[in-house]
Protein backbone atom coordinates (compact mmCIF):
# COMPACT_ATOMS: atom_id res chain seq x y z
CA MET A 1 -14.46 -29.08 13.87
CA ARG A 2 -12.14 -30.41 16.44
CA ILE A 3 -8.24 -30.20 16.07
CA VAL A 4 -6.08 -32.30 18.37
CA SER A 5 -2.26 -32.00 19.07
CA TRP A 6 -0.56 -34.77 20.76
CA ASN A 7 3.18 -35.65 21.68
CA VAL A 8 2.83 -39.51 21.42
CA ASN A 9 6.42 -40.31 22.53
CA GLY A 10 6.96 -42.93 19.84
CA LEU A 11 3.85 -43.62 17.34
CA ARG A 12 4.29 -47.04 16.89
CA SER A 13 4.28 -47.53 20.90
CA LEU A 14 0.67 -46.77 20.62
CA THR A 15 -0.19 -50.45 19.07
CA LYS A 16 0.00 -51.35 23.11
CA GLU A 17 -3.13 -51.68 24.75
CA ASN A 18 -4.81 -50.16 21.65
CA TYR A 19 -4.09 -46.70 22.68
CA TRP A 20 -3.96 -45.83 18.90
CA GLY A 21 -7.59 -46.99 18.55
CA ALA A 22 -8.85 -45.79 21.62
CA PHE A 23 -7.67 -42.12 20.72
CA LEU A 24 -9.45 -42.12 17.56
CA ARG A 25 -12.55 -43.61 18.89
CA ASP A 26 -13.00 -41.35 22.00
CA MET A 27 -11.28 -38.11 20.71
CA LYS A 28 -13.08 -38.26 17.29
CA PRO A 29 -10.47 -35.54 15.79
CA ASP A 30 -11.61 -33.95 12.35
CA ILE A 31 -7.60 -32.99 12.19
CA PHE A 32 -4.96 -34.38 14.60
CA CYS A 33 -1.36 -33.11 14.68
CA LEU A 34 1.26 -35.61 16.55
CA GLN A 35 4.73 -34.92 17.43
CA GLU A 36 7.79 -36.96 18.35
CA THR A 37 6.47 -39.89 15.91
CA LYS A 38 10.05 -41.63 16.23
CA ALA A 39 9.46 -43.36 12.89
CA ASN A 40 9.65 -43.16 9.04
CA PRO A 41 6.47 -43.92 6.96
CA ASP A 42 8.52 -47.19 5.69
CA GLN A 43 8.51 -48.24 9.58
CA LEU A 44 4.75 -47.71 10.03
CA SER A 45 1.67 -50.34 9.82
CA GLU A 46 -1.37 -49.33 7.54
CA GLU A 47 -3.16 -48.51 10.69
CA PHE A 48 -0.78 -45.34 11.31
CA LEU A 49 -0.27 -44.94 7.48
CA SER A 50 -3.81 -44.25 6.29
CA PRO A 51 -6.37 -44.49 8.88
CA ALA A 52 -9.99 -44.58 7.64
CA GLY A 53 -11.25 -41.17 6.43
CA TYR A 54 -7.91 -39.59 6.93
CA SER A 55 -5.25 -38.22 4.62
CA ALA A 56 -1.87 -38.58 6.09
CA PHE A 57 1.28 -36.55 5.96
CA PHE A 58 4.67 -37.26 7.67
CA SER A 59 7.78 -35.46 8.47
CA SER A 60 10.48 -37.47 9.75
CA CYS A 61 14.02 -36.88 11.18
CA GLN A 62 16.88 -37.11 8.59
CA VAL A 63 19.91 -37.41 10.75
CA ARG A 64 18.95 -39.76 13.25
CA LYS A 65 16.51 -42.90 13.42
CA GLY A 66 13.83 -43.43 15.99
CA TYR A 67 13.98 -39.43 16.82
CA SER A 68 11.85 -36.54 16.78
CA GLY A 69 8.99 -36.50 13.69
CA VAL A 70 5.92 -35.01 13.26
CA ALA A 71 2.67 -36.14 11.42
CA LEU A 72 -0.62 -34.59 10.23
CA TYR A 73 -3.97 -36.28 9.66
CA SER A 74 -6.77 -34.85 8.14
CA LYS A 75 -10.51 -35.43 7.13
CA ILE A 76 -10.49 -32.27 5.17
CA GLU A 77 -8.17 -32.41 2.21
CA PRO A 78 -5.46 -29.61 2.61
CA LEU A 79 -5.18 -27.06 -0.08
CA LYS A 80 -1.39 -27.20 0.64
CA VAL A 81 1.05 -29.17 2.59
CA ILE A 82 4.60 -28.01 3.67
CA TYR A 83 7.51 -29.90 5.29
CA GLY A 84 9.87 -27.81 7.73
CA MET A 85 10.59 -24.02 7.37
CA GLY A 86 12.92 -24.00 4.61
CA ILE A 87 16.25 -24.01 6.93
CA LYS A 88 18.28 -27.38 6.88
CA GLU A 89 19.24 -27.14 10.35
CA PHE A 90 15.93 -27.30 11.63
CA ASP A 91 14.35 -29.40 8.86
CA GLN A 92 16.44 -32.30 8.87
CA GLU A 93 15.25 -32.85 12.55
CA GLY A 94 11.47 -33.35 11.06
CA ARG A 95 9.88 -30.76 13.37
CA VAL A 96 7.49 -28.90 11.09
CA ILE A 97 4.71 -29.66 9.08
CA GLY A 98 2.04 -27.41 7.76
CA ALA A 99 -1.23 -27.50 6.01
CA GLU A 100 -3.30 -24.71 4.34
CA PHE A 101 -7.10 -24.79 4.76
CA GLU A 102 -9.66 -22.38 3.12
CA ASP A 103 -9.66 -20.41 6.21
CA PHE A 104 -6.58 -20.73 8.00
CA TRP A 105 -3.11 -22.17 8.23
CA LEU A 106 -2.42 -24.99 10.77
CA ILE A 107 1.18 -25.59 11.68
CA ASN A 108 2.10 -28.34 13.71
CA ALA A 109 5.55 -28.32 15.39
CA TYR A 110 7.87 -30.36 17.86
CA PHE A 111 9.84 -27.87 19.16
CA PRO A 112 13.43 -28.48 20.51
CA ASN A 113 14.13 -29.66 24.04
CA GLY A 114 16.94 -27.69 25.47
CA GLY A 115 18.49 -30.78 27.67
CA LYS A 116 22.06 -31.75 27.04
CA GLY A 117 23.92 -28.68 27.48
CA PRO A 118 24.17 -25.14 26.11
CA GLU A 119 24.54 -25.84 22.60
CA ARG A 120 20.93 -27.49 22.42
CA ILE A 121 19.22 -24.28 24.69
CA ASP A 122 21.02 -22.15 21.84
CA TYR A 123 19.46 -24.35 19.18
CA LYS A 124 16.20 -24.14 20.73
CA LEU A 125 16.08 -20.47 21.03
CA ARG A 126 17.17 -19.86 17.48
CA PHE A 127 14.56 -22.36 16.08
CA TYR A 128 12.17 -20.27 18.16
CA ASP A 129 13.22 -17.32 16.67
CA THR A 130 13.08 -18.97 12.99
CA PHE A 131 9.68 -20.43 13.72
CA LEU A 132 8.02 -16.91 14.79
CA ALA A 133 9.34 -15.47 11.59
CA PHE A 134 8.06 -18.26 9.67
CA VAL A 135 4.38 -18.14 10.78
CA GLU A 136 4.53 -14.39 10.85
CA LYS A 137 5.33 -14.55 6.82
CA LEU A 138 2.17 -17.24 6.64
CA HIS A 139 -0.01 -14.98 8.74
CA LYS A 140 0.46 -12.53 5.81
CA GLU A 141 -1.83 -14.87 3.86
CA LYS A 142 -4.38 -15.81 6.18
CA PRO A 143 -4.96 -16.47 9.89
CA VAL A 144 -2.32 -19.26 11.47
CA ILE A 145 -3.21 -21.54 14.10
CA PHE A 146 0.03 -23.35 15.50
CA CYS A 147 0.23 -26.34 17.87
CA GLY A 148 2.74 -28.82 19.40
CA ASP A 149 5.07 -29.57 22.07
CA VAL A 150 6.51 -26.35 22.89
CA ASN A 151 8.92 -27.83 25.45
CA THR A 152 8.39 -24.97 27.65
CA ALA A 153 6.01 -24.03 30.46
CA HIS A 154 5.07 -20.23 30.14
CA GLU A 155 3.87 -19.12 33.88
CA GLU A 156 4.29 -20.32 37.29
CA ILE A 157 0.72 -21.57 37.00
CA ASP A 158 1.53 -24.04 34.05
CA LEU A 159 4.04 -26.30 36.06
CA ALA A 160 3.55 -27.96 39.59
CA ARG A 161 7.12 -26.99 40.81
CA PRO A 162 8.05 -23.62 39.36
CA LYS A 163 10.41 -22.51 42.23
CA GLU A 164 12.46 -25.70 41.93
CA ASN A 165 12.49 -25.29 38.13
CA GLU A 166 13.61 -21.83 37.74
CA GLY A 167 17.00 -22.75 36.62
CA ASN A 168 16.18 -25.69 34.57
CA THR A 169 15.39 -25.82 30.71
CA GLY A 170 11.78 -25.66 30.00
CA PHE A 171 11.28 -22.57 32.44
CA LEU A 172 14.07 -20.63 31.91
CA PRO A 173 13.45 -17.13 31.50
CA GLU A 174 14.52 -16.74 27.92
CA GLU A 175 12.69 -19.58 26.96
CA ARG A 176 9.31 -18.33 28.57
CA ALA A 177 10.30 -14.84 27.18
CA TRP A 178 9.70 -16.33 23.75
CA ILE A 179 6.08 -17.21 24.53
CA ASP A 180 5.57 -13.82 25.45
CA GLU A 181 6.93 -12.57 22.43
CA VAL A 182 4.41 -14.97 20.65
CA ILE A 183 1.65 -13.60 22.55
CA SER A 184 2.76 -9.74 22.07
CA ALA A 185 2.65 -10.59 18.13
CA GLY A 186 -0.84 -11.38 18.39
CA TYR A 187 -1.29 -15.20 19.12
CA ILE A 188 -3.45 -16.17 21.75
CA ASP A 189 -2.91 -19.19 24.20
CA SER A 190 -6.09 -20.74 23.65
CA PHE A 191 -6.21 -22.80 26.88
CA ARG A 192 -5.49 -19.65 29.09
CA TYR A 193 -7.97 -17.77 27.17
CA PHE A 194 -10.85 -20.00 28.14
CA HIS A 195 -9.18 -21.31 31.41
CA PRO A 196 -7.24 -18.26 32.78
CA ASN A 197 -6.96 -19.23 36.52
CA THR A 198 -7.12 -23.18 35.97
CA LYS A 199 -4.34 -24.85 38.24
CA ASP A 200 -2.89 -28.33 38.14
CA ALA A 201 -3.92 -28.60 34.46
CA TYR A 202 -0.76 -30.13 32.62
CA SER A 203 -0.15 -32.11 29.56
CA TYR A 204 3.27 -33.84 30.42
CA TRP A 205 4.36 -35.77 33.47
CA ASP A 206 7.73 -37.56 33.92
CA GLN A 207 7.43 -41.12 33.44
CA PHE A 208 10.62 -42.33 35.59
CA THR A 209 9.11 -40.85 38.97
CA HIS A 210 5.53 -41.52 38.26
CA ALA A 211 4.82 -38.08 38.52
CA ARG A 212 1.29 -38.60 36.28
CA ASP A 213 -0.03 -40.49 39.53
CA ARG A 214 0.66 -37.48 41.59
CA ASN A 215 -0.28 -34.88 38.93
CA VAL A 216 3.29 -33.23 39.19
CA GLY A 217 3.22 -32.03 35.73
CA TRP A 218 3.96 -29.46 33.07
CA ARG A 219 1.95 -27.64 30.40
CA LEU A 220 4.20 -27.89 27.45
CA ASP A 221 1.48 -28.04 24.86
CA TYR A 222 -0.38 -25.46 23.31
CA PHE A 223 -2.65 -24.18 20.36
CA PHE A 224 -1.86 -20.79 19.94
CA VAL A 225 -4.26 -18.81 17.64
CA ALA A 226 -4.08 -15.66 15.46
CA GLY A 227 -5.90 -13.08 17.20
CA GLU A 228 -8.51 -12.37 14.63
CA PHE A 229 -9.36 -16.02 14.37
CA MET A 230 -9.95 -16.28 18.07
CA LYS A 231 -13.68 -15.68 17.61
CA ARG A 232 -13.74 -19.14 15.85
CA VAL A 233 -12.63 -21.06 18.54
CA LYS A 234 -15.42 -22.57 20.63
CA LYS A 235 -13.30 -24.39 22.99
CA ALA A 236 -9.63 -25.36 24.36
CA ASP A 237 -9.21 -28.37 26.58
CA ILE A 238 -6.34 -30.76 27.93
CA HIS A 239 -7.13 -34.40 27.93
CA PRO A 240 -5.29 -36.16 30.90
CA ASP A 241 -7.55 -39.12 30.66
CA VAL A 242 -6.12 -40.36 27.64
CA PHE A 243 -3.12 -42.55 27.89
CA GLY A 244 -0.28 -44.06 25.73
CA SER A 245 2.38 -41.41 26.26
CA ASP A 246 4.28 -39.19 28.69
CA HIS A 247 2.18 -36.41 27.18
CA CYS A 248 -1.59 -36.34 26.97
CA PRO A 249 -3.60 -34.66 23.90
CA VAL A 250 -4.65 -31.06 23.64
CA SER A 251 -7.36 -29.74 21.56
CA ILE A 252 -9.45 -26.80 20.15
CA GLU A 253 -12.80 -26.97 18.73
CA LEU A 254 -13.91 -24.51 15.91
CA LYS A 255 -17.33 -22.82 14.94
């Protein structure tokens, strides 16, 4: 089973150059989780609402059109789908969707960006804490896999220019410390598990500076897997050859 996560930076934009069709054809996901869809279902065409062979589920931003949003597509019908964490302040931005399967929970999240001042950094950090408590509650039922755009690079190896970004959101000590908490709680960064020393492996590049051409990037997109379930994970990868967004997909394969 292949599970893929991708911040698409606008789902409707994937019609350009058939990025959507190429993604489905080349990645062949059994389940895929999208972030930053920037669309309500009533704004989407049939190719996005119901790709052949998939059940589709959406959580959209309720307070601002064309902002945030997540989607989950699955060839396997979930036992249950949940929308949000049950807290209006966070759920109204359409940042979390989850599906229960026979052996695990899969949670897809688009974590807040800490840009635009201290208030959003505070919002991001409170979202982080709320989210970890949320998945820990689910973890009492069965193992949890959570994926998405975390909007933070964990270690210096996870971005091209760590020294220059020490004071910038996305690499602040308090943001990185939350990922330490996640790992301390028993969740495994699946990419680093399989690729502990791999450098220059990024999932996001700034479009305005054409950073992708020079691979000046950040690893912001993750699959975290509950430790007891890690034995089921066969591989974890980043796919920088997939275009259509300022992020590229990341994936895991389960035995």
